[in-house]
């Protein structure tokens, strides 16, 4: 006994089976803690993955929103330009030889603006931010435009990003070799002067 009246603890007095059992329980506890730690790491990785997916979805949503705004602004700008409207009416009725200089410039710059926007779509498609279906529809629209010889002639000499220039050149060639006839229609409206 000690001076305070308590007995001293001596490991030699403990049953050897209890000591061995204590060490085994400590090893089991250590094993369980490692398993729990592993699950915690996996859970945190899943959480990070979900956060990244949500961040990508938000970024894609913003890209689509920006694209819609850009398209709307471009359409509004064109529809408010009387030279563009009268020039487009002449193209639609097969009277492109009657275009004034102002109409030709308005049409050419509108087309260049459109192609800059499509170049942006192309880059987004290459990066995986645009669906193949959306990009395919955009290429078909571009091909239809290039089926009109005036647009092919007007854009001769314009240069875009090298990867996109290849798309434009292919689209122009396809428009000549495999026309869909998208410009072959009767324009039902009289042209105002």
N, C-alpha and C. Protein backbone atom coordinates (compact mmCIF):
# COMPACT_ATOMS: atom_id res chain seq x y z
N UNK A 1 0.83 -1.19 0.00
CA UNK A 1 0.00 0.00 0.00
C UNK A 1 0.86 1.23 0.00
N UNK A 2 0.28 2.29 -0.54
CA UNK A 2 0.99 3.56 -0.58
C UNK A 2 0.66 4.33 0.67
N UNK A 3 1.29 5.49 0.82
CA UNK A 3 1.07 6.30 2.00
C UNK A 3 -0.35 6.84 2.05
N UNK A 4 -1.00 7.02 0.91
CA UNK A 4 -2.36 7.55 0.90
C UNK A 4 -3.38 6.47 1.19
N UNK A 5 -2.95 5.27 1.29
CA UNK A 5 -3.86 4.20 1.62
C UNK A 5 -4.36 3.44 0.41
N UNK A 6 -3.94 3.80 -0.75
CA UNK A 6 -4.36 3.08 -1.95
C UNK A 6 -3.34 2.00 -2.26
N UNK A 7 -3.82 0.97 -2.87
CA UNK A 7 -2.88 -0.10 -3.23
C UNK A 7 -2.24 0.23 -4.58
N UNK A 8 -1.02 -0.16 -4.75
CA UNK A 8 -0.33 0.06 -6.02
C UNK A 8 -0.79 -0.96 -7.02
N UNK A 9 -0.81 -0.51 -8.27
CA UNK A 9 -1.23 -1.40 -9.34
C UNK A 9 0.02 -2.04 -9.92
N UNK A 10 0.00 -3.32 -10.00
CA UNK A 10 1.14 -4.04 -10.56
C UNK A 10 0.62 -4.97 -11.65
N UNK A 11 1.17 -4.83 -12.87
CA UNK A 11 0.72 -5.64 -13.99
C UNK A 11 0.93 -7.13 -13.73
N UNK A 12 1.85 -7.44 -12.90
CA UNK A 12 2.11 -8.85 -12.61
C UNK A 12 0.94 -9.47 -11.89
N UNK A 13 0.13 -8.63 -11.24
CA UNK A 13 -1.02 -9.14 -10.50
C UNK A 13 -2.24 -9.36 -11.41
N UNK A 14 -2.20 -8.85 -12.64
CA UNK A 14 -3.34 -8.96 -13.56
C UNK A 14 -3.26 -10.29 -14.28
N UNK A 15 -4.41 -10.85 -14.51
CA UNK A 15 -4.51 -12.10 -15.24
C UNK A 15 -3.94 -11.91 -16.65
N UNK A 16 -3.02 -12.75 -17.11
CA UNK A 16 -2.41 -12.59 -18.44
C UNK A 16 -3.45 -12.59 -19.58
N UNK A 17 -4.53 -13.29 -19.43
CA UNK A 17 -5.57 -13.31 -20.48
C UNK A 17 -6.23 -11.95 -20.64
N UNK A 18 -6.38 -11.21 -19.56
CA UNK A 18 -7.00 -9.89 -19.61
C UNK A 18 -6.08 -8.92 -20.34
N UNK A 19 -4.78 -8.99 -20.05
CA UNK A 19 -3.82 -8.10 -20.71
C UNK A 19 -3.77 -8.40 -22.20
N UNK A 20 -3.75 -9.68 -22.55
CA UNK A 20 -3.72 -10.07 -23.96
C UNK A 20 -5.00 -9.62 -24.66
N UNK A 21 -6.12 -9.77 -24.00
CA UNK A 21 -7.41 -9.34 -24.55
C UNK A 21 -7.43 -7.82 -24.76
N UNK A 22 -6.84 -7.08 -23.83
CA UNK A 22 -6.77 -5.62 -23.93
C UNK A 22 -5.99 -5.21 -25.18
N UNK A 23 -4.86 -5.87 -25.44
CA UNK A 23 -4.07 -5.56 -26.63
C UNK A 23 -4.82 -5.93 -27.91
N UNK A 24 -5.53 -7.06 -27.89
CA UNK A 24 -6.31 -7.46 -29.07
C UNK A 24 -7.43 -6.45 -29.35
N UNK A 25 -8.09 -5.99 -28.28
CA UNK A 25 -9.15 -4.99 -28.46
C UNK A 25 -8.58 -3.68 -29.01
N UNK A 26 -7.39 -3.31 -28.59
CA UNK A 26 -6.75 -2.09 -29.10
C UNK A 26 -6.45 -2.25 -30.59
N UNK A 27 -5.99 -3.42 -31.01
CA UNK A 27 -5.72 -3.67 -32.43
C UNK A 27 -7.01 -3.63 -33.24
N UNK A 28 -8.07 -4.22 -32.69
CA UNK A 28 -9.37 -4.18 -33.39
C UNK A 28 -9.88 -2.75 -33.50
N UNK A 29 -9.72 -2.01 -32.41
CA UNK A 29 -10.13 -0.61 -32.44
C UNK A 29 -9.34 0.16 -33.51
N UNK A 30 -8.05 -0.09 -33.58
CA UNK A 30 -7.21 0.55 -34.58
C UNK A 30 -7.69 0.18 -35.99
N UNK A 31 -8.00 -1.10 -36.21
CA UNK A 31 -8.51 -1.54 -37.52
C UNK A 31 -9.82 -0.82 -37.86
N UNK A 32 -10.71 -0.74 -36.90
CA UNK A 32 -12.00 -0.07 -37.14
C UNK A 32 -11.82 1.42 -37.42
N UNK A 33 -10.91 2.04 -36.71
CA UNK A 33 -10.65 3.46 -36.95
C UNK A 33 -10.08 3.68 -38.36
N UNK A 34 -9.25 2.75 -38.84
CA UNK A 34 -8.73 2.87 -40.20
C UNK A 34 -9.84 2.71 -41.23
N UNK A 35 -10.76 1.76 -40.99
CA UNK A 35 -11.89 1.56 -41.91
C UNK A 35 -12.77 2.82 -41.93
N UNK A 36 -13.05 3.36 -40.76
CA UNK A 36 -13.86 4.58 -40.67
C UNK A 36 -13.15 5.73 -41.38
N UNK A 37 -11.85 5.84 -41.21
CA UNK A 37 -11.08 6.88 -41.88
C UNK A 37 -11.14 6.72 -43.40
N UNK A 38 -11.07 5.48 -43.85
CA UNK A 38 -11.16 5.21 -45.29
C UNK A 38 -12.51 5.66 -45.84
N UNK A 39 -13.58 5.30 -45.12
CA UNK A 39 -14.92 5.73 -45.55
C UNK A 39 -15.05 7.26 -45.54
N UNK A 40 -14.43 7.90 -44.59
CA UNK A 40 -14.47 9.37 -44.53
C UNK A 40 -13.76 9.98 -45.74
N UNK A 41 -12.65 9.40 -46.13
CA UNK A 41 -11.92 9.90 -47.31
C UNK A 41 -12.77 9.70 -48.56
N UNK A 42 -13.37 8.52 -48.71
CA UNK A 42 -14.22 8.24 -49.87
C UNK A 42 -15.41 9.20 -49.89
N UNK A 43 -16.04 9.41 -48.75
CA UNK A 43 -17.19 10.32 -48.68
C UNK A 43 -16.78 11.75 -49.05
N UNK A 44 -15.62 12.18 -48.60
CA UNK A 44 -15.18 13.55 -48.93
C UNK A 44 -14.86 13.66 -50.42
N UNK A 45 -14.32 12.61 -51.03
CA UNK A 45 -14.07 12.63 -52.47
C UNK A 45 -15.37 12.68 -53.27
N UNK A 46 -16.36 11.94 -52.81
CA UNK A 46 -17.68 11.97 -53.47
C UNK A 46 -18.26 13.37 -53.35
N UNK A 47 -18.15 13.97 -52.20
CA UNK A 47 -18.67 15.33 -52.00
C UNK A 47 -17.97 16.33 -52.91
N UNK A 48 -16.65 16.22 -53.02
CA UNK A 48 -15.89 17.12 -53.90
C UNK A 48 -16.33 16.91 -55.36
N UNK A 49 -16.52 15.66 -55.75
CA UNK A 49 -16.98 15.36 -57.10
C UNK A 49 -18.34 15.97 -57.38
N UNK A 50 -19.25 15.86 -56.41
CA UNK A 50 -20.58 16.46 -56.58
C UNK A 50 -20.49 17.98 -56.67
N UNK A 51 -19.62 18.58 -55.88
CA UNK A 51 -19.43 20.03 -55.96
C UNK A 51 -18.89 20.43 -57.32
N UNK A 52 -17.94 19.68 -57.85
CA UNK A 52 -17.38 19.99 -59.17
C UNK A 52 -18.45 19.85 -60.25
N UNK A 53 -19.28 18.83 -60.13
CA UNK A 53 -20.36 18.63 -61.10
C UNK A 53 -21.35 19.79 -61.05
N UNK A 54 -21.68 20.23 -59.86
CA UNK A 54 -22.59 21.36 -59.71
C UNK A 54 -21.96 22.64 -60.27
N UNK A 55 -20.68 22.84 -60.03
CA UNK A 55 -19.98 24.01 -60.57
C UNK A 55 -19.99 23.97 -62.10
N UNK A 56 -19.75 22.80 -62.68
CA UNK A 56 -19.81 22.66 -64.14
C UNK A 56 -21.20 22.97 -64.67
N UNK A 57 -22.23 22.48 -63.98
CA UNK A 57 -23.61 22.74 -64.42
C UNK A 57 -23.92 24.23 -64.37
N UNK A 58 -23.45 24.90 -63.35
CA UNK A 58 -23.67 26.35 -63.24
C UNK A 58 -22.93 27.08 -64.37
N UNK A 59 -21.70 26.66 -64.64
CA UNK A 59 -20.92 27.29 -65.72
C UNK A 59 -21.60 27.06 -67.08
N UNK A 60 -22.08 25.84 -67.32
CA UNK A 60 -22.78 25.56 -68.58
C UNK A 60 -24.05 26.39 -68.70
N UNK A 61 -24.76 26.51 -67.61
CA UNK A 61 -25.97 27.33 -67.61
C UNK A 61 -25.64 28.77 -67.97
N UNK A 62 -24.57 29.29 -67.42
CA UNK A 62 -24.16 30.66 -67.72
C UNK A 62 -23.75 30.81 -69.18
N UNK A 63 -23.07 29.79 -69.71
CA UNK A 63 -22.66 29.82 -71.12
C UNK A 63 -23.89 29.86 -72.02
N UNK A 64 -24.88 29.02 -71.73
CA UNK A 64 -26.10 29.01 -72.54
C UNK A 64 -26.84 30.34 -72.42
N UNK A 65 -26.86 30.89 -71.23
CA UNK A 65 -27.51 32.19 -71.03
C UNK A 65 -26.80 33.28 -71.83
N UNK A 66 -25.48 33.29 -71.76
CA UNK A 66 -24.70 34.28 -72.52
C UNK A 66 -24.93 34.12 -74.02
N UNK A 67 -25.01 32.87 -74.47
CA UNK A 67 -25.23 32.60 -75.89
C UNK A 67 -26.59 33.12 -76.31
N UNK A 68 -27.59 32.90 -75.50
CA UNK A 68 -28.94 33.37 -75.83
C UNK A 68 -28.98 34.90 -75.89
N UNK A 69 -28.35 35.55 -74.93
CA UNK A 69 -28.32 37.01 -74.91
C UNK A 69 -27.59 37.54 -76.14
N UNK A 70 -26.46 36.93 -76.47
CA UNK A 70 -25.68 37.36 -77.63
C UNK A 70 -26.48 37.19 -78.92
N UNK A 71 -27.14 36.07 -79.06
CA UNK A 71 -27.95 35.81 -80.25
C UNK A 71 -29.09 36.81 -80.36
N UNK A 72 -29.75 37.06 -79.25
CA UNK A 72 -30.87 38.01 -79.25
C UNK A 72 -30.40 39.42 -79.61
N UNK A 73 -29.28 39.84 -79.02
CA UNK A 73 -28.76 41.18 -79.32
C UNK A 73 -28.37 41.31 -80.79
N UNK A 74 -27.77 40.27 -81.34
CA UNK A 74 -27.38 40.29 -82.75
C UNK A 74 -28.62 40.36 -83.64
N UNK A 75 -29.64 39.59 -83.31
CA UNK A 75 -30.88 39.60 -84.10
C UNK A 75 -31.55 40.96 -84.01
N UNK A 76 -31.60 41.52 -82.82
CA UNK A 76 -32.23 42.84 -82.66
C UNK A 76 -31.46 43.92 -83.42
N UNK A 77 -30.14 43.85 -83.38
CA UNK A 77 -29.34 44.85 -84.10
C UNK A 77 -29.59 44.76 -85.60
N UNK A 78 -29.64 43.53 -86.12
CA UNK A 78 -29.90 43.36 -87.55
C UNK A 78 -31.30 43.82 -87.93
N UNK A 79 -32.27 43.45 -87.12
CA UNK A 79 -33.66 43.77 -87.47
C UNK A 79 -33.96 45.26 -87.36
N UNK A 80 -33.09 46.01 -86.72
CA UNK A 80 -33.27 47.46 -86.62
C UNK A 80 -32.46 48.23 -87.67
N UNK A 81 -31.76 47.50 -88.53
CA UNK A 81 -30.94 48.14 -89.56
C UNK A 81 -31.70 48.07 -90.89
N UNK A 82 -32.20 49.18 -91.40
CA UNK A 82 -32.99 49.14 -92.63
C UNK A 82 -32.17 48.65 -93.84
N UNK A 83 -30.86 48.89 -93.85
CA UNK A 83 -30.04 48.41 -94.96
C UNK A 83 -29.95 46.88 -94.94
N UNK A 84 -29.80 46.34 -93.74
CA UNK A 84 -29.76 44.89 -93.62
C UNK A 84 -31.09 44.29 -94.09
N UNK A 85 -32.20 44.86 -93.63
CA UNK A 85 -33.51 44.32 -93.98
C UNK A 85 -33.78 44.38 -95.48
N UNK A 86 -33.48 45.52 -96.09
CA UNK A 86 -33.74 45.62 -97.53
C UNK A 86 -32.77 44.74 -98.32
N UNK A 87 -31.53 44.63 -97.85
CA UNK A 87 -30.56 43.76 -98.52
C UNK A 87 -30.96 42.30 -98.42
N UNK A 88 -31.41 41.88 -97.26
CA UNK A 88 -31.84 40.50 -97.07
C UNK A 88 -33.07 40.20 -97.93
N UNK A 89 -33.96 41.16 -98.04
CA UNK A 89 -35.13 40.97 -98.90
C UNK A 89 -34.69 40.77 -100.35
N UNK A 90 -33.68 41.52 -100.79
CA UNK A 90 -33.18 41.35 -102.16
C UNK A 90 -32.52 39.99 -102.34
N UNK A 91 -31.79 39.54 -101.33
CA UNK A 91 -31.19 38.20 -101.43
C UNK A 91 -32.28 37.13 -101.51
N UNK A 92 -33.34 37.30 -100.72
CA UNK A 92 -34.42 36.32 -100.70
C UNK A 92 -35.22 36.28 -102.00
N UNK A 93 -35.17 37.33 -102.77
CA UNK A 93 -35.93 37.36 -104.02
C UNK A 93 -35.03 37.21 -105.24
N UNK A 94 -33.77 36.85 -105.02
CA UNK A 94 -32.87 36.62 -106.13
C UNK A 94 -32.37 37.89 -106.79
N UNK A 95 -32.46 39.02 -106.11
CA UNK A 95 -32.05 40.30 -106.69
C UNK A 95 -30.76 40.82 -106.06
N UNK A 96 -29.84 39.91 -105.76
CA UNK A 96 -28.61 40.34 -105.09
C UNK A 96 -27.76 41.27 -105.95
N UNK A 97 -27.96 41.25 -107.26
CA UNK A 97 -27.21 42.19 -108.10
C UNK A 97 -27.72 43.62 -107.94
N UNK A 98 -28.88 43.79 -107.31
CA UNK A 98 -29.43 45.13 -107.07
C UNK A 98 -29.04 45.72 -105.72
N UNK A 99 -28.20 45.01 -104.96
CA UNK A 99 -27.80 45.50 -103.63
C UNK A 99 -27.06 46.82 -103.74
N UNK A 100 -27.39 47.74 -102.85
CA UNK A 100 -26.62 48.98 -102.75
C UNK A 100 -25.37 48.69 -101.92
N UNK A 101 -24.43 49.60 -101.95
CA UNK A 101 -23.21 49.43 -101.15
C UNK A 101 -23.55 49.33 -99.66
N UNK A 102 -24.49 50.16 -99.21
CA UNK A 102 -24.87 50.14 -97.79
C UNK A 102 -25.51 48.79 -97.41
N UNK A 103 -26.33 48.26 -98.29
CA UNK A 103 -26.97 46.97 -98.02
C UNK A 103 -25.93 45.85 -98.00
N UNK A 104 -25.02 45.88 -98.95
CA UNK A 104 -23.98 44.84 -99.00
C UNK A 104 -23.10 44.89 -97.75
N UNK A 105 -22.74 46.10 -97.34
CA UNK A 105 -21.91 46.23 -96.13
C UNK A 105 -22.68 45.74 -94.91
N UNK A 106 -23.94 46.10 -94.79
CA UNK A 106 -24.75 45.65 -93.65
C UNK A 106 -24.85 44.12 -93.63
N UNK A 107 -25.09 43.51 -94.78
CA UNK A 107 -25.19 42.05 -94.86
C UNK A 107 -23.86 41.38 -94.54
N UNK A 108 -22.78 41.92 -95.07
CA UNK A 108 -21.46 41.33 -94.85
C UNK A 108 -21.07 41.41 -93.37
N UNK A 109 -21.27 42.57 -92.77
CA UNK A 109 -20.89 42.72 -91.37
C UNK A 109 -21.80 41.90 -90.45
N UNK A 110 -23.05 41.77 -90.81
CA UNK A 110 -23.94 40.91 -90.04
C UNK A 110 -23.47 39.46 -90.11
N UNK A 111 -23.10 39.03 -91.30
CA UNK A 111 -22.62 37.66 -91.47
C UNK A 111 -21.32 37.44 -90.71
N UNK A 112 -20.41 38.41 -90.78
CA UNK A 112 -19.15 38.28 -90.04
C UNK A 112 -19.43 38.20 -88.53
N UNK A 113 -20.36 39.02 -88.06
CA UNK A 113 -20.74 38.98 -86.64
C UNK A 113 -21.31 37.62 -86.28
N UNK A 114 -22.15 37.09 -87.15
CA UNK A 114 -22.73 35.76 -86.93
C UNK A 114 -21.63 34.70 -86.86
N UNK A 115 -20.66 34.79 -87.77
CA UNK A 115 -19.60 33.79 -87.79
C UNK A 115 -18.67 33.91 -86.58
N UNK A 116 -18.49 35.11 -86.07
CA UNK A 116 -17.72 35.26 -84.83
C UNK A 116 -18.44 34.54 -83.69
N UNK A 117 -19.76 34.68 -83.66
CA UNK A 117 -20.56 33.99 -82.64
C UNK A 117 -20.47 32.47 -82.85
N UNK A 118 -20.54 32.01 -84.10
CA UNK A 118 -20.44 30.57 -84.38
C UNK A 118 -19.04 30.06 -84.06
N UNK A 119 -18.02 30.88 -84.27
CA UNK A 119 -16.66 30.50 -83.89
C UNK A 119 -16.61 30.24 -82.39
N UNK A 120 -17.27 31.08 -81.62
CA UNK A 120 -17.34 30.88 -80.17
C UNK A 120 -18.06 29.57 -79.86
N UNK A 121 -19.14 29.28 -80.57
CA UNK A 121 -19.85 28.00 -80.39
C UNK A 121 -18.93 26.83 -80.70
N UNK A 122 -18.16 26.98 -81.77
CA UNK A 122 -17.24 25.91 -82.18
C UNK A 122 -16.23 25.63 -81.07
N UNK A 123 -15.68 26.69 -80.52
CA UNK A 123 -14.71 26.49 -79.45
C UNK A 123 -15.38 25.84 -78.23
N UNK A 124 -16.58 26.26 -77.90
CA UNK A 124 -17.30 25.64 -76.79
C UNK A 124 -17.59 24.17 -77.08
N UNK A 125 -17.90 23.87 -78.32
CA UNK A 125 -18.14 22.47 -78.72
C UNK A 125 -16.86 21.65 -78.56
N UNK A 126 -15.74 22.21 -79.00
CA UNK A 126 -14.46 21.50 -78.86
C UNK A 126 -14.11 21.25 -77.40
N UNK A 127 -14.48 22.14 -76.52
CA UNK A 127 -14.20 21.99 -75.09
C UNK A 127 -15.23 21.14 -74.36
N UNK A 128 -16.27 20.72 -75.07
CA UNK A 128 -17.28 19.85 -74.47
C UNK A 128 -18.43 20.59 -73.80
N UNK A 129 -18.56 21.89 -74.05
CA UNK A 129 -19.64 22.67 -73.44
C UNK A 129 -20.89 22.76 -74.30
N UNK A 130 -20.82 22.28 -75.53
CA UNK A 130 -21.99 22.27 -76.42
C UNK A 130 -22.26 20.86 -76.85
N UNK A 131 -23.52 20.51 -76.97
CA UNK A 131 -23.87 19.17 -77.40
C UNK A 131 -23.58 19.00 -78.89
N UNK A 132 -23.39 17.77 -79.29
CA UNK A 132 -23.17 17.48 -80.72
C UNK A 132 -24.39 17.88 -81.53
N UNK A 133 -25.58 17.68 -80.98
CA UNK A 133 -26.82 18.02 -81.70
C UNK A 133 -26.89 19.53 -81.96
N UNK A 134 -26.55 20.33 -80.96
CA UNK A 134 -26.59 21.79 -81.13
C UNK A 134 -25.56 22.22 -82.17
N UNK A 135 -24.36 21.68 -82.07
CA UNK A 135 -23.31 22.05 -83.02
C UNK A 135 -23.69 21.61 -84.43
N UNK A 136 -24.24 20.44 -84.58
CA UNK A 136 -24.65 19.94 -85.89
C UNK A 136 -25.69 20.86 -86.53
N UNK A 137 -26.66 21.28 -85.72
CA UNK A 137 -27.69 22.21 -86.22
C UNK A 137 -27.06 23.54 -86.65
N UNK A 138 -26.09 24.02 -85.89
CA UNK A 138 -25.41 25.27 -86.22
C UNK A 138 -24.65 25.14 -87.55
N UNK A 139 -24.00 24.00 -87.76
CA UNK A 139 -23.27 23.77 -89.01
C UNK A 139 -24.25 23.73 -90.19
N UNK A 140 -25.41 23.11 -89.99
CA UNK A 140 -26.42 23.06 -91.05
C UNK A 140 -26.93 24.46 -91.40
N UNK A 141 -27.13 25.28 -90.38
CA UNK A 141 -27.57 26.67 -90.62
C UNK A 141 -26.51 27.45 -91.39
N UNK A 142 -25.25 27.23 -91.03
CA UNK A 142 -24.15 27.92 -91.70
C UNK A 142 -24.07 27.46 -93.15
N UNK A 143 -24.22 26.16 -93.38
CA UNK A 143 -24.19 25.62 -94.74
C UNK A 143 -25.30 26.24 -95.57
N UNK A 144 -26.49 26.35 -95.00
CA UNK A 144 -27.62 26.95 -95.71
C UNK A 144 -27.29 28.38 -96.13
N UNK A 145 -26.72 29.13 -95.24
CA UNK A 145 -26.34 30.51 -95.57
C UNK A 145 -25.35 30.52 -96.72
N UNK A 146 -24.36 29.63 -96.67
CA UNK A 146 -23.33 29.60 -97.71
C UNK A 146 -23.84 29.05 -99.04
N UNK A 147 -25.04 28.49 -99.05
CA UNK A 147 -25.60 28.06 -100.32
C UNK A 147 -25.90 29.26 -101.21
N UNK A 148 -26.07 30.41 -100.61
CA UNK A 148 -26.26 31.62 -101.43
C UNK A 148 -24.89 32.10 -101.87
N UNK A 149 -24.66 32.21 -103.17
CA UNK A 149 -23.32 32.59 -103.65
C UNK A 149 -22.87 33.97 -103.16
N UNK A 150 -23.81 34.85 -102.90
CA UNK A 150 -23.42 36.18 -102.45
C UNK A 150 -22.63 36.10 -101.15
N UNK A 151 -23.07 35.26 -100.21
CA UNK A 151 -22.37 35.15 -98.92
C UNK A 151 -20.98 34.54 -99.10
N UNK A 152 -20.86 33.56 -99.97
CA UNK A 152 -19.53 32.97 -100.21
C UNK A 152 -18.58 34.02 -100.79
N UNK A 153 -19.08 34.81 -101.72
CA UNK A 153 -18.24 35.86 -102.32
C UNK A 153 -17.91 36.96 -101.32
N UNK A 154 -18.91 37.36 -100.53
CA UNK A 154 -18.70 38.46 -99.58
C UNK A 154 -17.68 38.11 -98.51
N UNK A 155 -17.64 36.85 -98.11
CA UNK A 155 -16.73 36.46 -97.03
C UNK A 155 -15.38 35.98 -97.54
N UNK A 156 -15.19 36.02 -98.84
CA UNK A 156 -13.90 35.65 -99.39
C UNK A 156 -12.85 36.64 -98.87
N UNK A 157 -11.86 36.13 -98.21
CA UNK A 157 -10.81 36.99 -97.65
C UNK A 157 -10.93 37.21 -96.15
N UNK A 158 -12.10 37.00 -95.58
CA UNK A 158 -12.22 37.08 -94.12
C UNK A 158 -11.48 35.89 -93.53
N UNK A 159 -10.79 36.10 -92.41
CA UNK A 159 -10.06 35.02 -91.74
C UNK A 159 -10.51 34.93 -90.30
N UNK A 160 -10.68 33.71 -89.87
CA UNK A 160 -11.10 33.44 -88.49
C UNK A 160 -10.05 32.54 -87.84
N UNK A 161 -10.31 32.16 -86.62
CA UNK A 161 -9.43 31.24 -85.90
C UNK A 161 -9.17 30.02 -86.79
N UNK A 162 -7.94 29.55 -86.86
CA UNK A 162 -7.54 28.51 -87.83
C UNK A 162 -8.44 27.28 -87.77
N UNK A 163 -8.75 26.80 -86.55
CA UNK A 163 -9.59 25.61 -86.42
C UNK A 163 -10.99 25.86 -86.97
N UNK A 164 -11.49 27.07 -86.76
CA UNK A 164 -12.82 27.40 -87.24
C UNK A 164 -12.81 27.69 -88.74
N UNK A 165 -11.73 28.24 -89.25
CA UNK A 165 -11.63 28.51 -90.69
C UNK A 165 -11.79 27.22 -91.48
N UNK A 166 -11.25 26.13 -90.94
CA UNK A 166 -11.42 24.83 -91.59
C UNK A 166 -12.90 24.47 -91.68
N UNK A 167 -13.65 24.72 -90.61
CA UNK A 167 -15.09 24.44 -90.59
C UNK A 167 -15.81 25.30 -91.63
N UNK A 168 -15.46 26.58 -91.71
CA UNK A 168 -16.08 27.48 -92.69
C UNK A 168 -15.79 26.98 -94.10
N UNK A 169 -14.53 26.67 -94.38
CA UNK A 169 -14.16 26.21 -95.72
C UNK A 169 -14.90 24.93 -96.09
N UNK A 170 -15.01 24.00 -95.14
CA UNK A 170 -15.74 22.75 -95.39
C UNK A 170 -17.22 23.03 -95.62
N UNK A 171 -17.77 23.94 -94.83
CA UNK A 171 -19.19 24.29 -94.96
C UNK A 171 -19.47 24.94 -96.32
N UNK A 172 -18.58 25.83 -96.76
CA UNK A 172 -18.74 26.46 -98.07
C UNK A 172 -18.67 25.41 -99.18
N UNK A 173 -17.69 24.52 -99.10
CA UNK A 173 -17.55 23.48 -100.11
C UNK A 173 -18.77 22.56 -100.13
N UNK A 174 -19.26 22.21 -98.95
CA UNK A 174 -20.44 21.34 -98.85
C UNK A 174 -21.67 22.05 -99.42
N UNK A 175 -21.77 23.35 -99.21
CA UNK A 175 -22.90 24.12 -99.73
C UNK A 175 -22.93 24.10 -101.25
N UNK A 176 -21.75 24.12 -101.86
CA UNK A 176 -21.67 24.11 -103.33
C UNK A 176 -21.91 22.70 -103.86
N UNK A 177 -21.29 21.70 -103.22
CA UNK A 177 -21.35 20.33 -103.72
C UNK A 177 -22.66 19.61 -103.38
N UNK A 178 -23.27 19.92 -102.24
CA UNK A 178 -24.47 19.22 -101.79
C UNK A 178 -25.53 20.22 -101.30
N UNK A 179 -26.02 21.07 -102.18
CA UNK A 179 -26.99 22.08 -101.73
C UNK A 179 -28.31 21.44 -101.28
N UNK A 180 -28.91 22.06 -100.28
CA UNK A 180 -30.20 21.57 -99.77
C UNK A 180 -31.36 22.34 -100.39
N UNK A 181 -31.05 23.44 -101.06
CA UNK A 181 -32.10 24.24 -101.67
C UNK A 181 -32.81 25.16 -100.69
N UNK A 182 -32.14 25.49 -99.59
CA UNK A 182 -32.79 26.31 -98.56
C UNK A 182 -33.09 27.73 -99.04
N UNK A 183 -32.47 28.17 -100.13
CA UNK A 183 -32.76 29.50 -100.67
C UNK A 183 -33.79 29.42 -101.80
N UNK A 184 -34.21 28.21 -102.14
CA UNK A 184 -35.18 28.03 -103.23
C UNK A 184 -36.60 28.09 -102.68
N UNK A 185 -37.11 29.27 -102.53
CA UNK A 185 -38.49 29.42 -102.07
C UNK A 185 -39.03 30.72 -102.62
N UNK A 186 -40.33 30.81 -102.63
CA UNK A 186 -40.98 32.05 -103.08
C UNK A 186 -41.10 32.98 -101.89
N UNK A 187 -40.51 34.14 -102.01
CA UNK A 187 -40.58 35.14 -100.95
C UNK A 187 -41.95 35.80 -101.04
N UNK A 188 -42.82 35.59 -100.06
CA UNK A 188 -44.21 35.99 -100.20
C UNK A 188 -44.51 37.48 -99.94
N UNK A 189 -43.49 38.23 -99.62
CA UNK A 189 -43.74 39.62 -99.22
C UNK A 189 -43.23 40.57 -100.29
N UNK A 190 -43.94 41.66 -100.52
CA UNK A 190 -43.43 42.64 -101.48
C UNK A 190 -42.25 43.41 -100.87
N UNK A 191 -41.31 43.77 -101.68
CA UNK A 191 -40.15 44.53 -101.20
C UNK A 191 -40.50 46.00 -101.20
N UNK A 192 -40.36 46.62 -100.05
CA UNK A 192 -40.64 48.06 -99.94
C UNK A 192 -39.44 48.84 -100.41
N UNK A 193 -39.70 49.96 -100.95
CA UNK A 193 -38.62 50.83 -101.43
C UNK A 193 -38.45 52.00 -100.50
